[in-house]
Amino acid sequence: ASYYGSFVKGRFTVSGDNAKMTLILQMNSLKPEDTAIY
């Protein structure tokens, strides 16, 4: 299962391999308010 913060609204997609502990965050339609340290 994957979960998202309420502000994401379909713009981001999380994927990865928990067994290998790798994680991807594809971020589309970025907004200035997305500016942050991730």
PDB file of all heavy atoms in Angstrom:
ATOM      1  N   ALA A   1       0.839  -1.198   0.000  1.00  0.00           N
ATOM      2  CA  ALA A   1       0.000   0.000   0.000  1.00  0.00           C
ATOM      3  C   ALA A   1       0.872   1.246   0.000  1.00  0.00           C
ATOM      4  O   ALA A   1       1.965   1.264   0.572  1.00  0.00           O
ATOM      5  CB  ALA A   1      -0.890   0.006   1.231  1.00  0.00           C
ATOM      6  N   SER A   2       0.378   2.285  -0.650  1.00  0.00           N
ATOM      7  CA  SER A   2       1.057   3.571  -0.644  1.00  0.00           C
ATOM      8  C   SER A   2       0.119   4.636  -0.095  1.00  0.00           C
ATOM      9  O   SER A   2      -1.109   4.522  -0.224  1.00  0.00           O
ATOM     10  CB  SER A   2       1.532   3.943  -2.060  1.00  0.00           C
ATOM     11  OG  SER A   2       0.440   3.956  -2.953  1.00  0.00           O
ATOM     12  N   TYR A   3       0.717   5.634   0.514  1.00  0.00           N
ATOM     13  CA  TYR A   3      -0.045   6.679   1.176  1.00  0.00           C
ATOM     14  C   TYR A   3       0.556   8.033   0.811  1.00  0.00           C
ATOM     15  O   TYR A   3       1.758   8.143   0.581  1.00  0.00           O
ATOM     16  CB  TYR A   3      -0.003   6.495   2.693  1.00  0.00           C
ATOM     17  CG  TYR A   3      -0.367   5.105   3.153  1.00  0.00           C
ATOM     18  CD1 TYR A   3       0.623   4.157   3.370  1.00  0.00           C
ATOM     19  CD2 TYR A   3      -1.691   4.746   3.353  1.00  0.00           C
ATOM     20  CE1 TYR A   3       0.303   2.878   3.787  1.00  0.00           C
ATOM     21  CE2 TYR A   3      -2.024   3.471   3.775  1.00  0.00           C
ATOM     22  CZ  TYR A   3      -1.020   2.532   3.995  1.00  0.00           C
ATOM     23  OH  TYR A   3      -1.342   1.263   4.392  1.00  0.00           O
ATOM     24  N   TYR A   4      -0.284   9.076   0.816  1.00  0.00           N
ATOM     25  CA  TYR A   4       0.171  10.406   0.431  1.00  0.00           C
ATOM     26  C   TYR A   4      -0.385  11.467   1.359  1.00  0.00           C
ATOM     27  O   TYR A   4      -1.484  11.328   1.902  1.00  0.00           O
ATOM     28  CB  TYR A   4      -0.267  10.716  -1.003  1.00  0.00           C
ATOM     29  CG  TYR A   4       0.353   9.804  -2.033  1.00  0.00           C
ATOM     30  CD1 TYR A   4      -0.291   8.646  -2.430  1.00  0.00           C
ATOM     31  CD2 TYR A   4       1.597  10.103  -2.581  1.00  0.00           C
ATOM     32  CE1 TYR A   4       0.287   7.789  -3.368  1.00  0.00           C
ATOM     33  CE2 TYR A   4       2.184   9.263  -3.513  1.00  0.00           C
ATOM     34  CZ  TYR A   4       1.515   8.108  -3.899  1.00  0.00           C
ATOM     35  OH  TYR A   4       2.102   7.271  -4.815  1.00  0.00           O
ATOM     36  N   GLY A   5       0.381  12.535   1.497  1.00  0.00           N
ATOM     37  CA  GLY A   5      -0.108  13.684   2.213  1.00  0.00           C
ATOM     38  C   GLY A   5      -1.254  14.333   1.439  1.00  0.00           C
ATOM     39  O   GLY A   5      -1.330  14.213   0.211  1.00  0.00           O
ATOM     40  N   SER A   6      -2.123  15.024   2.149  1.00  0.00           N
ATOM     41  CA  SER A   6      -3.330  15.578   1.525  1.00  0.00           C
ATOM     42  C   SER A   6      -3.011  16.614   0.450  1.00  0.00           C
ATOM     43  O   SER A   6      -3.793  16.815  -0.474  1.00  0.00           O
ATOM     44  CB  SER A   6      -4.231  16.201   2.590  1.00  0.00           C
ATOM     45  OG  SER A   6      -3.523  17.212   3.291  1.00  0.00           O
ATOM     46  N   PHE A   7      -1.851  17.255   0.549  1.00  0.00           N
ATOM     47  CA  PHE A   7      -1.508  18.293  -0.408  1.00  0.00           C
ATOM     48  C   PHE A   7      -1.043  17.723  -1.751  1.00  0.00           C
ATOM     49  O   PHE A   7      -0.967  18.422  -2.742  1.00  0.00           O
ATOM     50  CB  PHE A   7      -0.376  19.172   0.152  1.00  0.00           C
ATOM     51  CG  PHE A   7       0.923  18.432   0.315  1.00  0.00           C
ATOM     52  CD1 PHE A   7       1.833  18.382  -0.725  1.00  0.00           C
ATOM     53  CD2 PHE A   7       1.224  17.762   1.485  1.00  0.00           C
ATOM     54  CE1 PHE A   7       3.029  17.689  -0.604  1.00  0.00           C
ATOM     55  CE2 PHE A   7       2.412  17.063   1.631  1.00  0.00           C
ATOM     56  CZ  PHE A   7       3.315  17.026   0.577  1.00  0.00           C
ATOM     57  N   VAL A   8      -0.741  16.428  -1.800  1.00  0.00           N
ATOM     58  CA  VAL A   8      -0.173  15.841  -3.013  1.00  0.00           C
ATOM     59  C   VAL A   8      -1.169  15.881  -4.172  1.00  0.00           C
ATOM     60  O   VAL A   8      -0.824  16.246  -5.289  1.00  0.00           O
ATOM     61  CB  VAL A   8       0.293  14.400  -2.746  1.00  0.00           C
ATOM     62  CG1 VAL A   8       0.675  13.707  -4.051  1.00  0.00           C
ATOM     63  CG2 VAL A   8       1.466  14.398  -1.779  1.00  0.00           C
ATOM     64  N   LYS A   9      -2.403  15.479  -3.923  1.00  0.00           N
ATOM     65  CA  LYS A   9      -3.477  15.574  -4.906  1.00  0.00           C
ATOM     66  C   LYS A   9      -3.082  15.000  -6.269  1.00  0.00           C
ATOM     67  O   LYS A   9      -3.284  15.633  -7.310  1.00  0.00           O
ATOM     68  CB  LYS A   9      -3.943  17.017  -5.048  1.00  0.00           C
ATOM     69  CG  LYS A   9      -4.641  17.552  -3.800  1.00  0.00           C
ATOM     70  CD  LYS A   9      -5.085  18.974  -3.969  1.00  0.00           C
ATOM     71  CE  LYS A   9      -6.014  19.430  -2.872  1.00  0.00           C
ATOM     72  NZ  LYS A   9      -5.560  19.205  -1.510  1.00  0.00           N
ATOM     73  N   GLY A  10      -2.507  13.793  -6.261  1.00  0.00           N
ATOM     74  CA  GLY A  10      -2.225  13.087  -7.495  1.00  0.00           C
ATOM     75  C   GLY A  10      -0.984  13.550  -8.233  1.00  0.00           C
ATOM     76  O   GLY A  10      -0.670  13.043  -9.304  1.00  0.00           O
ATOM     77  N   ARG A  11      -0.244  14.491  -7.689  1.00  0.00           N
ATOM     78  CA  ARG A  11       0.928  15.023  -8.388  1.00  0.00           C
ATOM     79  C   ARG A  11       2.180  14.174  -8.185  1.00  0.00           C
ATOM     80  O   ARG A  11       3.090  14.186  -9.015  1.00  0.00           O
ATOM     81  CB  ARG A  11       1.192  16.451  -7.915  1.00  0.00           C
ATOM     82  CG  ARG A  11       0.053  17.409  -8.178  1.00  0.00           C
ATOM     83  CD  ARG A  11       0.415  18.826  -7.728  1.00  0.00           C
ATOM     84  NE  ARG A  11       0.663  18.887  -6.296  1.00  0.00           N
ATOM     85  CZ  ARG A  11       1.766  19.416  -5.755  1.00  0.00           C
ATOM     86  NH1 ARG A  11       2.709  19.921  -6.528  1.00  0.00           N
ATOM     87  NH2 ARG A  11       1.920  19.443  -4.444  1.00  0.00           N
ATOM     88  N   PHE A  12       2.261  13.461  -7.091  1.00  0.00           N
ATOM     89  CA  PHE A  12       3.443  12.681  -6.750  1.00  0.00           C
ATOM     90  C   PHE A  12       3.117  11.192  -6.789  1.00  0.00           C
ATOM     91  O   PHE A  12       1.986  10.774  -6.510  1.00  0.00           O
ATOM     92  CB  PHE A  12       3.952  13.012  -5.347  1.00  0.00           C
ATOM     93  CG  PHE A  12       4.367  14.435  -5.125  1.00  0.00           C
ATOM     94  CD1 PHE A  12       4.736  14.862  -3.857  1.00  0.00           C
ATOM     95  CD2 PHE A  12       4.397  15.368  -6.159  1.00  0.00           C
ATOM     96  CE1 PHE A  12       5.118  16.167  -3.618  1.00  0.00           C
ATOM     97  CE2 PHE A  12       4.790  16.678  -5.952  1.00  0.00           C
ATOM     98  CZ  PHE A  12       5.140  17.077  -4.661  1.00  0.00           C
ATOM     99  N   THR A  13       4.141  10.393  -7.089  1.00  0.00           N
ATOM    100  CA  THR A  13       4.011   8.942  -7.047  1.00  0.00           C
ATOM    101  C   THR A  13       5.202   8.358  -6.305  1.00  0.00           C
ATOM    102  O   THR A  13       6.353   8.642  -6.651  1.00  0.00           O
ATOM    103  CB  THR A  13       3.952   8.354  -8.461  1.00  0.00           C
ATOM    104  OG1 THR A  13       2.857   8.921  -9.189  1.00  0.00           O
ATOM    105  CG2 THR A  13       3.754   6.840  -8.390  1.00  0.00           C
ATOM    106  N   VAL A  14       4.920   7.540  -5.309  1.00  0.00           N
ATOM    107  CA  VAL A  14       5.982   6.896  -4.536  1.00  0.00           C
ATOM    108  C   VAL A  14       6.078   5.435  -4.975  1.00  0.00           C
ATOM    109  O   VAL A  14       5.071   4.779  -5.221  1.00  0.00           O
ATOM    110  CB  VAL A  14       5.729   7.009  -3.017  1.00  0.00           C
ATOM    111  CG1 VAL A  14       4.466   6.268  -2.603  1.00  0.00           C
ATOM    112  CG2 VAL A  14       6.933   6.514  -2.237  1.00  0.00           C
ATOM    113  N   SER A  15       7.305   4.962  -5.081  1.00  0.00           N
ATOM    114  CA  SER A  15       7.535   3.565  -5.440  1.00  0.00           C
ATOM    115  C   SER A  15       8.857   3.133  -4.828  1.00  0.00           C
ATOM    116  O   SER A  15       9.647   3.959  -4.363  1.00  0.00           O
ATOM    117  CB  SER A  15       7.563   3.386  -6.957  1.00  0.00           C
ATOM    118  OG  SER A  15       8.598   4.158  -7.536  1.00  0.00           O
ATOM    119  N   GLY A  16       9.092   1.840  -4.838  1.00  0.00           N
ATOM    120  CA  GLY A  16      10.349   1.381  -4.299  1.00  0.00           C
ATOM    121  C   GLY A  16      10.332  -0.088  -3.956  1.00  0.00           C
ATOM    122  O   GLY A  16       9.386  -0.803  -4.273  1.00  0.00           O
ATOM    123  N   ASP A  17      11.397  -0.509  -3.346  1.00  0.00           N
ATOM    124  CA  ASP A  17      11.575  -1.899  -2.938  1.00  0.00           C
ATOM    125  C   ASP A  17      11.948  -1.884  -1.463  1.00  0.00           C
ATOM    126  O   ASP A  17      13.104  -1.615  -1.121  1.00  0.00           O
ATOM    127  CB  ASP A  17      12.666  -2.554  -3.795  1.00  0.00           C
ATOM    128  CG  ASP A  17      12.798  -4.033  -3.523  1.00  0.00           C
ATOM    129  OD1 ASP A  17      12.524  -4.478  -2.391  1.00  0.00           O
ATOM    130  OD2 ASP A  17      13.215  -4.755  -4.445  1.00  0.00           O
ATOM    131  N   ASN A  18      10.990  -2.170  -0.608  1.00  0.00           N
ATOM    132  CA  ASN A  18      11.261  -2.101   0.827  1.00  0.00           C
ATOM    133  C   ASN A  18      12.288  -3.142   1.265  1.00  0.00           C
ATOM    134  O   ASN A  18      13.031  -2.909   2.220  1.00  0.00           O
ATOM    135  CB  ASN A  18       9.970  -2.273   1.616  1.00  0.00           C
ATOM    136  CG  ASN A  18       9.080  -1.059   1.529  1.00  0.00           C
ATOM    137  OD1 ASN A  18       9.024  -0.399   0.499  1.00  0.00           O
ATOM    138  ND2 ASN A  18       8.354  -0.752   2.586  1.00  0.00           N
ATOM    139  N   ALA A  19      12.327  -4.273   0.584  1.00  0.00           N
ATOM    140  CA  ALA A  19      13.299  -5.307   0.942  1.00  0.00           C
ATOM    141  C   ALA A  19      14.720  -4.815   0.702  1.00  0.00           C
ATOM    142  O   ALA A  19      15.631  -5.090   1.478  1.00  0.00           O
ATOM    143  CB  ALA A  19      13.035  -6.569   0.140  1.00  0.00           C
ATOM    144  N   LYS A  20      14.919  -4.069  -0.378  1.00  0.00           N
ATOM    145  CA  LYS A  20      16.237  -3.520  -0.688  1.00  0.00           C
ATOM    146  C   LYS A  20      16.411  -2.127  -0.089  1.00  0.00           C
ATOM    147  O   LYS A  20      17.487  -1.542  -0.201  1.00  0.00           O
ATOM    148  CB  LYS A  20      16.436  -3.453  -2.204  1.00  0.00           C
ATOM    149  CG  LYS A  20      16.418  -4.810  -2.889  1.00  0.00           C
ATOM    150  CD  LYS A  20      16.616  -4.660  -4.391  1.00  0.00           C
ATOM    151  CE  LYS A  20      16.602  -6.013  -5.077  1.00  0.00           C
ATOM    152  NZ  LYS A  20      16.760  -5.881  -6.557  1.00  0.00           N
ATOM    153  N   MET A  21      15.362  -1.594   0.487  1.00  0.00           N
ATOM    154  CA  MET A  21      15.373  -0.258   1.081  1.00  0.00           C
ATOM    155  C   MET A  21      15.764   0.794   0.059  1.00  0.00           C
ATOM    156  O   MET A  21      16.684   1.604   0.269  1.00  0.00           O
ATOM    157  CB  MET A  21      16.275  -0.218   2.315  1.00  0.00           C
ATOM    158  CG  MET A  21      15.749  -1.105   3.435  1.00  0.00           C
ATOM    159  SD  MET A  21      16.735  -1.042   4.956  1.00  0.00           S
ATOM    160  CE  MET A  21      16.265   0.581   5.567  1.00  0.00           C
ATOM    161  N   THR A  22      15.078   0.767  -1.057  1.00  0.00           N
ATOM    162  CA  THR A  22      15.210   1.820  -2.064  1.00  0.00           C
ATOM    163  C   THR A  22      13.842   2.467  -2.255  1.00  0.00           C
ATOM    164  O   THR A  22      12.815   1.805  -2.151  1.00  0.00           O
ATOM    165  CB  THR A  22      15.715   1.274  -3.406  1.00  0.00           C
ATOM    166  OG1 THR A  22      14.786   0.295  -3.896  1.00  0.00           O
ATOM    167  CG2 THR A  22      17.085   0.632  -3.251  1.00  0.00           C
ATOM    168  N   LEU A  23      13.857   3.753  -2.520  1.00  0.00           N
ATOM    169  CA  LEU A  23      12.605   4.497  -2.594  1.00  0.00           C
ATOM    170  C   LEU A  23      12.718   5.576  -3.650  1.00  0.00           C
ATOM    171  O   LEU A  23      13.773   6.193  -3.809  1.00  0.00           O
ATOM    172  CB  LEU A  23      12.288   5.122  -1.234  1.00  0.00           C
ATOM    173  CG  LEU A  23      10.859   5.553  -0.946  1.00  0.00           C
ATOM    174  CD1 LEU A  23       9.925   4.356  -0.949  1.00  0.00           C
ATOM    175  CD2 LEU A  23      10.800   6.261   0.398  1.00  0.00           C
ATOM    176  N   ILE A  24      11.648   5.774  -4.384  1.00  0.00           N
ATOM    177  CA  ILE A  24      11.584   6.785  -5.429  1.00  0.00           C
ATOM    178  C   ILE A  24      10.384   7.682  -5.164  1.00  0.00           C
ATOM    179  O   ILE A  24       9.328   7.208  -4.738  1.00  0.00           O
ATOM    180  CB  ILE A  24      11.414   6.143  -6.823  1.00  0.00           C
ATOM    181  CG1 ILE A  24      12.580   5.204  -7.146  1.00  0.00           C
ATOM    182  CG2 ILE A  24      11.268   7.216  -7.898  1.00  0.00           C
ATOM    183  CD1 ILE A  24      13.884   5.909  -7.381  1.00  0.00           C
ATOM    184  N   LEU A  25      10.544   8.953  -5.428  1.00  0.00           N
ATOM    185  CA  LEU A  25       9.415   9.888  -5.387  1.00  0.00           C
ATOM    186  C   LEU A  25       9.416  10.669  -6.698  1.00  0.00           C
ATOM    187  O   LEU A  25      10.289  11.498  -6.926  1.00  0.00           O
ATOM    188  CB  LEU A  25       9.511  10.836  -4.196  1.00  0.00           C
ATOM    189  CG  LEU A  25       8.306  11.778  -4.041  1.00  0.00           C
ATOM    190  CD1 LEU A  25       7.052  10.981  -3.658  1.00  0.00           C
ATOM    191  CD2 LEU A  25       8.583  12.842  -2.982  1.00  0.00           C
ATOM    192  N   GLN A  26       8.456  10.373  -7.541  1.00  0.00           N
ATOM    193  CA  GLN A  26       8.284  11.111  -8.794  1.00  0.00           C
ATOM    194  C   GLN A  26       7.342  12.279  -8.522  1.00  0.00           C
ATOM    195  O   GLN A  26       6.200  12.060  -8.119  1.00  0.00           O
ATOM    196  CB  GLN A  26       7.715  10.206  -9.882  1.00  0.00           C
ATOM    197  CG  GLN A  26       7.435  10.911 -11.192  1.00  0.00           C
ATOM    198  CD  GLN A  26       8.698  11.410 -11.873  1.00  0.00           C
ATOM    199  OE1 GLN A  26       9.702  10.706 -11.932  1.00  0.00           O
ATOM    200  NE2 GLN A  26       8.646  12.634 -12.389  1.00  0.00           N
ATOM    201  N   MET A  27       7.840  13.481  -8.733  1.00  0.00           N
ATOM    202  CA  MET A  27       7.049  14.670  -8.437  1.00  0.00           C
ATOM    203  C   MET A  27       6.774  15.421  -9.728  1.00  0.00           C
ATOM    204  O   MET A  27       7.704  15.835 -10.432  1.00  0.00           O
ATOM    205  CB  MET A  27       7.803  15.569  -7.455  1.00  0.00           C
ATOM    206  CG  MET A  27       8.162  14.881  -6.152  1.00  0.00           C
ATOM    207  SD  MET A  27       8.853  16.005  -4.917  1.00  0.00           S
ATOM    208  CE  MET A  27      10.385  16.472  -5.720  1.00  0.00           C
ATOM    209  N   ASN A  28       5.514  15.591 -10.043  1.00  0.00           N
ATOM    210  CA  ASN A  28       5.085  16.311 -11.237  1.00  0.00           C
ATOM    211  C   ASN A  28       4.271  17.537 -10.837  1.00  0.00           C
ATOM    212  O   ASN A  28       3.822  17.643  -9.696  1.00  0.00           O
ATOM    213  CB  ASN A  28       4.247  15.403 -12.139  1.00  0.00           C
ATOM    214  CG  ASN A  28       5.008  14.179 -12.599  1.00  0.00           C
ATOM    215  OD1 ASN A  28       6.207  14.219 -12.855  1.00  0.00           O
ATOM    216  ND2 ASN A  28       4.293  13.064 -12.713  1.00  0.00           N
ATOM    217  N   SER A  29       4.079  18.425 -11.783  1.00  0.00           N
ATOM    218  CA  SER A  29       3.280  19.635 -11.542  1.00  0.00           C
ATOM    219  C   SER A  29       3.721  20.344 -10.273  1.00  0.00           C
ATOM    220  O   SER A  29       2.893  20.735  -9.433  1.00  0.00           O
ATOM    221  CB  SER A  29       1.788  19.275 -11.461  1.00  0.00           C
ATOM    222  OG  SER A  29       1.355  18.638 -12.644  1.00  0.00           O
ATOM    223  N   LEU A  30       5.011  20.517 -10.129  1.00  0.00           N
ATOM    224  CA  LEU A  30       5.544  21.131  -8.916  1.00  0.00           C
ATOM    225  C   LEU A  30       5.134  22.585  -8.784  1.00  0.00           C
ATOM    226  O   LEU A  30       4.990  23.303  -9.792  1.00  0.00           O
ATOM    227  CB  LEU A  30       7.065  20.997  -8.900  1.00  0.00           C
ATOM    228  CG  LEU A  30       7.562  19.594  -8.534  1.00  0.00           C
ATOM    229  CD1 LEU A  30       9.017  19.418  -8.934  1.00  0.00           C
ATOM    230  CD2 LEU A  30       7.377  19.344  -7.047  1.00  0.00           C
ATOM    231  N   LYS A  31       4.957  23.002  -7.544  1.00  0.00           N
ATOM    232  CA  LYS A  31       4.543  24.359  -7.221  1.00  0.00           C
ATOM    233  C   LYS A  31       5.603  25.005  -6.334  1.00  0.00           C
ATOM    234  O   LYS A  31       6.333  24.300  -5.653  1.00  0.00           O
ATOM    235  CB  LYS A  31       3.207  24.331  -6.479  1.00  0.00           C
ATOM    236  CG  LYS A  31       2.110  23.582  -7.189  1.00  0.00           C
ATOM    237  CD  LYS A  31       0.866  23.491  -6.303  1.00  0.00           C
ATOM    238  CE  LYS A  31      -0.235  22.694  -6.967  1.00  0.00           C
ATOM    239  NZ  LYS A  31      -1.434  22.583  -6.092  1.00  0.00           N
ATOM    240  N   PRO A  32       5.667  26.325  -6.305  1.00  0.00           N
ATOM    241  CA  PRO A  32       6.637  26.982  -5.413  1.00  0.00           C
ATOM    242  C   PRO A  32       6.485  26.550  -3.959  1.00  0.00           C
ATOM    243  O   PRO A  32       7.487  26.459  -3.232  1.00  0.00           O
ATOM    244  CB  PRO A  32       6.310  28.463  -5.602  1.00  0.00           C
ATOM    245  CG  PRO A  32       5.784  28.560  -6.997  1.00  0.00           C
ATOM    246  CD  PRO A  32       4.992  27.291  -7.186  1.00  0.00           C
ATOM    247  N   GLU A  33       5.274  26.243  -3.535  1.00  0.00           N
ATOM    248  CA  GLU A  33       5.069  25.815  -2.148  1.00  0.00           C
ATOM    249  C   GLU A  33       5.604  24.410  -1.867  1.00  0.00           C
ATOM    250  O   GLU A  33       5.603  23.966  -0.724  1.00  0.00           O
ATOM    251  CB  GLU A  33       3.582  25.901  -1.760  1.00  0.00           C
ATOM    252  CG  GLU A  33       2.636  25.229  -2.734  1.00  0.00           C
ATOM    253  CD  GLU A  33       2.041  26.202  -3.735  1.00  0.00           C
ATOM    254  OE1 GLU A  33       2.801  27.062  -4.270  1.00  0.00           O
ATOM    255  OE2 GLU A  33       0.835  26.100  -3.997  1.00  0.00           O
ATOM    256  N   ASP A  34       6.045  23.710  -2.889  1.00  0.00           N
ATOM    257  CA  ASP A  34       6.698  22.414  -2.697  1.00  0.00           C
ATOM    258  C   ASP A  34       8.174  22.575  -2.344  1.00  0.00           C
ATOM    259  O   ASP A  34       8.857  21.583  -2.055  1.00  0.00           O
ATOM    260  CB  ASP A  34       6.579  21.555  -3.960  1.00  0.00           C
ATOM    261  CG  ASP A  34       5.154  21.137  -4.261  1.00  0.00           C
ATOM    262  OD1 ASP A  34       4.440  20.776  -3.310  1.00  0.00           O
ATOM    263  OD2 ASP A  34       4.763  21.181  -5.439  1.00  0.00           O
ATOM    264  N   THR A  35       8.666  23.787  -2.363  1.00  0.00           N
ATOM    265  CA  THR A  35      10.056  24.045  -2.019  1.00  0.00           C
ATOM    266  C   THR A  35      10.329  23.645  -0.577  1.00  0.00           C
ATOM    267  O   THR A  35       9.641  24.093   0.341  1.00  0.00           O
ATOM    268  CB  THR A  35      10.394  25.533  -2.218  1.00  0.00           C
ATOM    269  OG1 THR A  35      10.283  25.859  -3.604  1.00  0.00           O
ATOM    270  CG2 THR A  35      11.803  25.837  -1.733  1.00  0.00           C
ATOM    271  N   ALA A  36      11.313  22.764  -0.392  1.00  0.00           N
ATOM    272  CA  ALA A  36      11.627  22.248   0.946  1.00  0.00           C
ATOM    273  C   ALA A  36      12.826  21.315   0.834  1.00  0.00           C
ATOM    274  O   ALA A  36      13.264  20.969  -0.273  1.00  0.00           O
ATOM    275  CB  ALA A  36      10.441  21.492   1.525  1.00  0.00           C
ATOM    276  N   ILE A  37      13.304  20.900   1.968  1.00  0.00           N
ATOM    277  CA  ILE A  37      14.264  19.795   2.016  1.00  0.00           C
ATOM    278  C   ILE A  37      13.437  18.514   2.146  1.00  0.00           C
ATOM    279  O   ILE A  37      12.568  18.423   3.020  1.00  0.00           O
ATOM    280  CB  ILE A  37      15.234  19.929   3.195  1.00  0.00           C
ATOM    281  CG1 ILE A  37      16.065  21.206   3.045  1.00  0.00           C
ATOM    282  CG2 ILE A  37      16.154  18.708   3.263  1.00  0.00           C
ATOM    283  CD1 ILE A  37      16.974  21.481   4.229  1.00  0.00           C
ATOM    284  N   TYR A  38      13.715  17.564   1.282  1.00  0.00           N
ATOM    285  CA  TYR A  38      12.986  16.304   1.276  1.00  0.00           C
ATOM    286  C   TYR A  38      13.849  15.215   1.906  1.00  0.00           C
ATOM    287  O   TYR A  38      15.001  15.026   1.527  1.00  0.00           O
ATOM    288  CB  TYR A  38      12.587  15.929  -0.150  1.00  0.00           C
ATOM    289  CG  TYR A  38      11.415  16.736  -0.651  1.00  0.00           C
ATOM    290  CD1 TYR A  38      11.562  18.100  -0.919  1.00  0.00           C
ATOM    291  CD2 TYR A  38      10.172  16.160  -0.839  1.00  0.00           C
ATOM    292  CE1 TYR A  38      10.487  18.854  -1.361  1.00  0.00           C
ATOM    293  CE2 TYR A  38       9.089  16.908  -1.283  1.00  0.00           C
ATOM    294  CZ  TYR A  38       9.249  18.250  -1.538  1.00  0.00           C
ATOM    295  OH  TYR A  38       8.183  18.997  -1.972  1.00  0.00           O
TER     296      TYR A  38
END
